[in-house]
Amino acid sequence: MSSEYFWVVLCKNHKFHKRENLFFEHKIPLVETDAIEPPPALNGGLNVRCDDCGQEYTYRSKDLLRAELELPASFTPHAAFQ
């Protein structure tokens, strides 16, 4: 498995994720990117369901982060980016 760059958001369900590790922020991968590509423009909010806790929250452009992750082969990009 190799690591790749992805646009991610951090799950807002802190109570659930902090139970396991106080210093952990759960990253939800949205779509693959590279090290220099500018963030995609989001018109309005983007609804994202957490792959771990199952909660859905709305995110804005300012919530997008670039992260280098190792993902399983079953990764599917978020519907807004397909």
N, C-alpha and C. Protein backbone atom coordinates (compact mmCIF):
# COMPACT_ATOMS: atom_id res chain seq x y z
N MET A 1 0.85 -1.18 0.00
CA MET A 1 0.00 0.00 0.00
C MET A 1 0.90 1.24 0.00
N SER A 2 0.65 2.19 -0.87
CA SER A 2 1.43 3.42 -0.90
C SER A 2 0.58 4.58 -0.40
N SER A 3 1.25 5.63 0.04
CA SER A 3 0.50 6.79 0.51
C SER A 3 0.30 7.75 -0.65
N GLU A 4 -0.83 8.41 -0.62
CA GLU A 4 -1.22 9.38 -1.65
C GLU A 4 -1.77 10.61 -0.94
N TYR A 5 -1.89 11.71 -1.69
CA TYR A 5 -2.50 12.92 -1.14
C TYR A 5 -4.00 12.90 -1.39
N PHE A 6 -4.76 13.36 -0.39
CA PHE A 6 -6.21 13.42 -0.48
C PHE A 6 -6.72 14.71 0.14
N TRP A 7 -7.83 15.21 -0.39
CA TRP A 7 -8.56 16.26 0.30
C TRP A 7 -9.39 15.54 1.35
N VAL A 8 -9.32 16.04 2.58
CA VAL A 8 -10.04 15.44 3.69
C VAL A 8 -10.75 16.52 4.49
N VAL A 9 -11.70 16.09 5.31
CA VAL A 9 -12.29 16.94 6.34
C VAL A 9 -12.13 16.18 7.66
N LEU A 10 -12.12 16.92 8.75
CA LEU A 10 -12.03 16.31 10.08
C LEU A 10 -13.45 16.13 10.61
N CYS A 11 -13.75 14.92 11.06
CA CYS A 11 -15.09 14.64 11.58
C CYS A 11 -15.40 15.57 12.75
N LYS A 12 -16.60 16.12 12.75
CA LYS A 12 -17.03 17.04 13.80
C LYS A 12 -17.58 16.33 15.03
N ASN A 13 -17.68 15.01 15.00
CA ASN A 13 -18.20 14.24 16.13
C ASN A 13 -17.05 13.98 17.10
N HIS A 14 -16.58 15.05 17.74
CA HIS A 14 -15.42 14.96 18.61
C HIS A 14 -15.67 14.03 19.80
N LYS A 15 -16.87 14.04 20.34
CA LYS A 15 -17.17 13.22 21.50
C LYS A 15 -16.92 11.74 21.21
N PHE A 16 -17.33 11.28 20.04
CA PHE A 16 -17.13 9.88 19.65
C PHE A 16 -15.64 9.57 19.46
N HIS A 17 -14.96 10.39 18.68
CA HIS A 17 -13.58 10.09 18.31
C HIS A 17 -12.60 10.35 19.45
N LYS A 18 -12.87 11.29 20.32
CA LYS A 18 -11.97 11.59 21.44
C LYS A 18 -12.03 10.50 22.51
N ARG A 19 -13.08 9.67 22.51
CA ARG A 19 -13.16 8.55 23.46
C ARG A 19 -11.98 7.62 23.28
N GLU A 20 -11.60 7.41 22.03
CA GLU A 20 -10.53 6.47 21.71
C GLU A 20 -9.15 7.08 21.92
N ASN A 21 -8.98 8.37 21.60
CA ASN A 21 -7.68 9.02 21.70
C ASN A 21 -7.90 10.52 21.78
N LEU A 22 -7.50 11.14 22.88
CA LEU A 22 -7.71 12.58 23.07
C LEU A 22 -7.02 13.44 22.03
N PHE A 23 -5.96 12.94 21.42
CA PHE A 23 -5.19 13.74 20.47
C PHE A 23 -5.46 13.36 19.02
N PHE A 24 -6.49 12.59 18.80
CA PHE A 24 -6.79 12.06 17.46
C PHE A 24 -7.89 12.88 16.79
N GLU A 25 -7.67 13.26 15.57
CA GLU A 25 -8.68 13.92 14.74
C GLU A 25 -8.96 12.94 13.59
N HIS A 26 -10.19 12.46 13.48
CA HIS A 26 -10.51 11.48 12.44
C HIS A 26 -10.64 12.18 11.09
N LYS A 27 -9.80 11.79 10.14
CA LYS A 27 -9.80 12.36 8.79
C LYS A 27 -10.72 11.54 7.89
N ILE A 28 -11.61 12.23 7.18
CA ILE A 28 -12.50 11.58 6.23
C ILE A 28 -12.00 11.92 4.83
N PRO A 29 -11.45 10.97 4.09
CA PRO A 29 -10.95 11.26 2.74
C PRO A 29 -12.10 11.49 1.77
N LEU A 30 -11.91 12.52 0.92
CA LEU A 30 -12.96 12.87 -0.05
C LEU A 30 -12.57 12.53 -1.48
N VAL A 31 -11.37 12.95 -1.88
CA VAL A 31 -10.93 12.73 -3.26
C VAL A 31 -9.40 12.83 -3.30
N GLU A 32 -8.79 12.09 -4.21
CA GLU A 32 -7.34 12.11 -4.36
C GLU A 32 -6.91 13.44 -4.97
N THR A 33 -5.73 13.91 -4.59
CA THR A 33 -5.16 15.14 -5.13
C THR A 33 -3.65 14.96 -5.26
N ASP A 34 -2.92 16.03 -5.37
CA ASP A 34 -1.47 15.96 -5.36
C ASP A 34 -0.94 16.99 -4.37
N ALA A 35 0.35 17.14 -4.30
CA ALA A 35 0.96 18.00 -3.29
C ALA A 35 0.78 19.49 -3.56
N ILE A 36 0.41 19.88 -4.78
CA ILE A 36 0.35 21.31 -5.10
C ILE A 36 -1.00 21.80 -5.62
N GLU A 37 -1.90 20.92 -5.95
CA GLU A 37 -3.20 21.32 -6.51
C GLU A 37 -3.97 22.20 -5.51
N PRO A 38 -4.56 23.32 -5.98
CA PRO A 38 -5.35 24.15 -5.07
C PRO A 38 -6.63 23.43 -4.66
N PRO A 39 -7.20 23.80 -3.53
CA PRO A 39 -8.42 23.13 -3.08
C PRO A 39 -9.57 23.33 -4.07
N PRO A 40 -10.44 22.34 -4.20
CA PRO A 40 -11.58 22.49 -5.10
C PRO A 40 -12.55 23.53 -4.56
N ALA A 41 -13.22 24.22 -5.47
CA ALA A 41 -14.22 25.21 -5.06
C ALA A 41 -15.50 24.48 -4.69
N LEU A 42 -16.01 24.79 -3.53
CA LEU A 42 -17.28 24.20 -3.09
C LEU A 42 -18.33 25.31 -3.09
N ASN A 43 -19.40 25.09 -3.80
CA ASN A 43 -20.51 26.04 -3.80
C ASN A 43 -21.46 25.66 -2.68
N GLY A 44 -21.46 26.47 -1.63
CA GLY A 44 -22.29 26.14 -0.47
C GLY A 44 -21.62 25.08 0.36
N GLY A 45 -22.41 24.28 1.04
CA GLY A 45 -21.87 23.25 1.92
C GLY A 45 -21.78 21.90 1.24
N LEU A 46 -20.99 21.04 1.82
CA LEU A 46 -20.80 19.68 1.34
C LEU A 46 -21.15 18.74 2.48
N ASN A 47 -22.16 17.89 2.29
CA ASN A 47 -22.54 16.94 3.31
C ASN A 47 -21.66 15.71 3.21
N VAL A 48 -21.05 15.34 4.35
CA VAL A 48 -20.13 14.21 4.40
C VAL A 48 -20.51 13.32 5.58
N ARG A 49 -20.63 12.03 5.32
CA ARG A 49 -20.90 11.04 6.37
C ARG A 49 -19.58 10.40 6.78
N CYS A 50 -19.33 10.37 8.07
CA CYS A 50 -18.10 9.78 8.61
C CYS A 50 -18.10 8.28 8.39
N ASP A 51 -16.99 7.77 7.90
CA ASP A 51 -16.85 6.33 7.65
C ASP A 51 -16.63 5.54 8.94
N ASP A 52 -16.41 6.23 10.06
CA ASP A 52 -16.15 5.55 11.32
C ASP A 52 -17.36 5.62 12.27
N CYS A 53 -17.86 6.84 12.55
CA CYS A 53 -18.97 6.98 13.51
C CYS A 53 -20.34 7.00 12.84
N GLY A 54 -20.39 7.24 11.52
CA GLY A 54 -21.65 7.22 10.79
C GLY A 54 -22.43 8.53 10.80
N GLN A 55 -21.96 9.55 11.53
CA GLN A 55 -22.67 10.83 11.58
C GLN A 55 -22.39 11.64 10.31
N GLU A 56 -23.38 12.44 9.91
CA GLU A 56 -23.22 13.29 8.73
C GLU A 56 -23.22 14.74 9.16
N TYR A 57 -22.27 15.50 8.63
CA TYR A 57 -22.14 16.92 8.93
C TYR A 57 -21.92 17.68 7.63
N THR A 58 -22.17 18.99 7.67
CA THR A 58 -21.94 19.86 6.52
C THR A 58 -20.61 20.57 6.70
N TYR A 59 -19.81 20.58 5.64
CA TYR A 59 -18.50 21.21 5.65
C TYR A 59 -18.45 22.28 4.57
N ARG A 60 -17.61 23.30 4.80
CA ARG A 60 -17.41 24.37 3.83
C ARG A 60 -16.00 24.30 3.27
N SER A 61 -15.72 25.11 2.28
CA SER A 61 -14.39 25.11 1.64
C SER A 61 -13.27 25.27 2.66
N LYS A 62 -13.47 26.10 3.66
CA LYS A 62 -12.42 26.36 4.65
C LYS A 62 -12.10 25.12 5.50
N ASP A 63 -12.99 24.12 5.48
CA ASP A 63 -12.78 22.89 6.25
C ASP A 63 -11.91 21.86 5.53
N LEU A 64 -11.65 22.07 4.24
CA LEU A 64 -10.85 21.12 3.46
C LEU A 64 -9.38 21.19 3.85
N LEU A 65 -8.79 20.04 4.04
CA LEU A 65 -7.36 19.92 4.35
C LEU A 65 -6.73 18.91 3.40
N ARG A 66 -5.46 19.08 3.13
CA ARG A 66 -4.72 18.10 2.32
C ARG A 66 -3.99 17.18 3.30
N ALA A 67 -4.09 15.88 3.07
CA ALA A 67 -3.42 14.92 3.95
C ALA A 67 -2.82 13.80 3.13
N GLU A 68 -1.70 13.30 3.60
CA GLU A 68 -1.08 12.15 2.96
C GLU A 68 -1.53 10.92 3.74
N LEU A 69 -2.26 10.03 3.06
CA LEU A 69 -2.87 8.88 3.71
C LEU A 69 -2.59 7.60 2.94
N GLU A 70 -2.70 6.50 3.67
CA GLU A 70 -2.71 5.18 3.03
C GLU A 70 -4.16 4.70 3.08
N LEU A 71 -4.73 4.43 1.93
CA LEU A 71 -6.12 4.02 1.87
C LEU A 71 -6.26 2.61 1.32
N PRO A 72 -7.31 1.91 1.75
CA PRO A 72 -7.56 0.58 1.18
C PRO A 72 -8.01 0.70 -0.27
N ALA A 73 -7.90 -0.38 -1.00
CA ALA A 73 -8.27 -0.39 -2.41
C ALA A 73 -9.76 -0.09 -2.61
N SER A 74 -10.56 -0.24 -1.57
CA SER A 74 -12.01 -0.04 -1.69
C SER A 74 -12.42 1.43 -1.60
N PHE A 75 -11.47 2.38 -1.53
CA PHE A 75 -11.81 3.79 -1.43
C PHE A 75 -12.62 4.25 -2.64
N THR A 76 -13.70 5.00 -2.36
CA THR A 76 -14.51 5.60 -3.40
C THR A 76 -14.57 7.10 -3.16
N PRO A 77 -14.25 7.93 -4.15
CA PRO A 77 -14.30 9.37 -3.96
C PRO A 77 -15.73 9.83 -3.58
N HIS A 78 -15.80 10.93 -2.85
CA HIS A 78 -17.08 11.50 -2.47
C HIS A 78 -17.86 11.82 -3.75
N ALA A 79 -19.16 11.63 -3.71
CA ALA A 79 -20.02 11.82 -4.90
C ALA A 79 -19.88 13.22 -5.51
N ALA A 80 -19.63 14.23 -4.72
CA ALA A 80 -19.49 15.60 -5.24
C ALA A 80 -18.28 15.76 -6.14
N PHE A 81 -17.33 14.84 -6.08
CA PHE A 81 -16.10 14.96 -6.86
C PHE A 81 -16.01 13.93 -7.98
N GLN A 82 -17.07 13.19 -8.22
CA GLN A 82 -17.04 12.17 -9.28
C GLN A 82 -17.50 12.72 -10.59
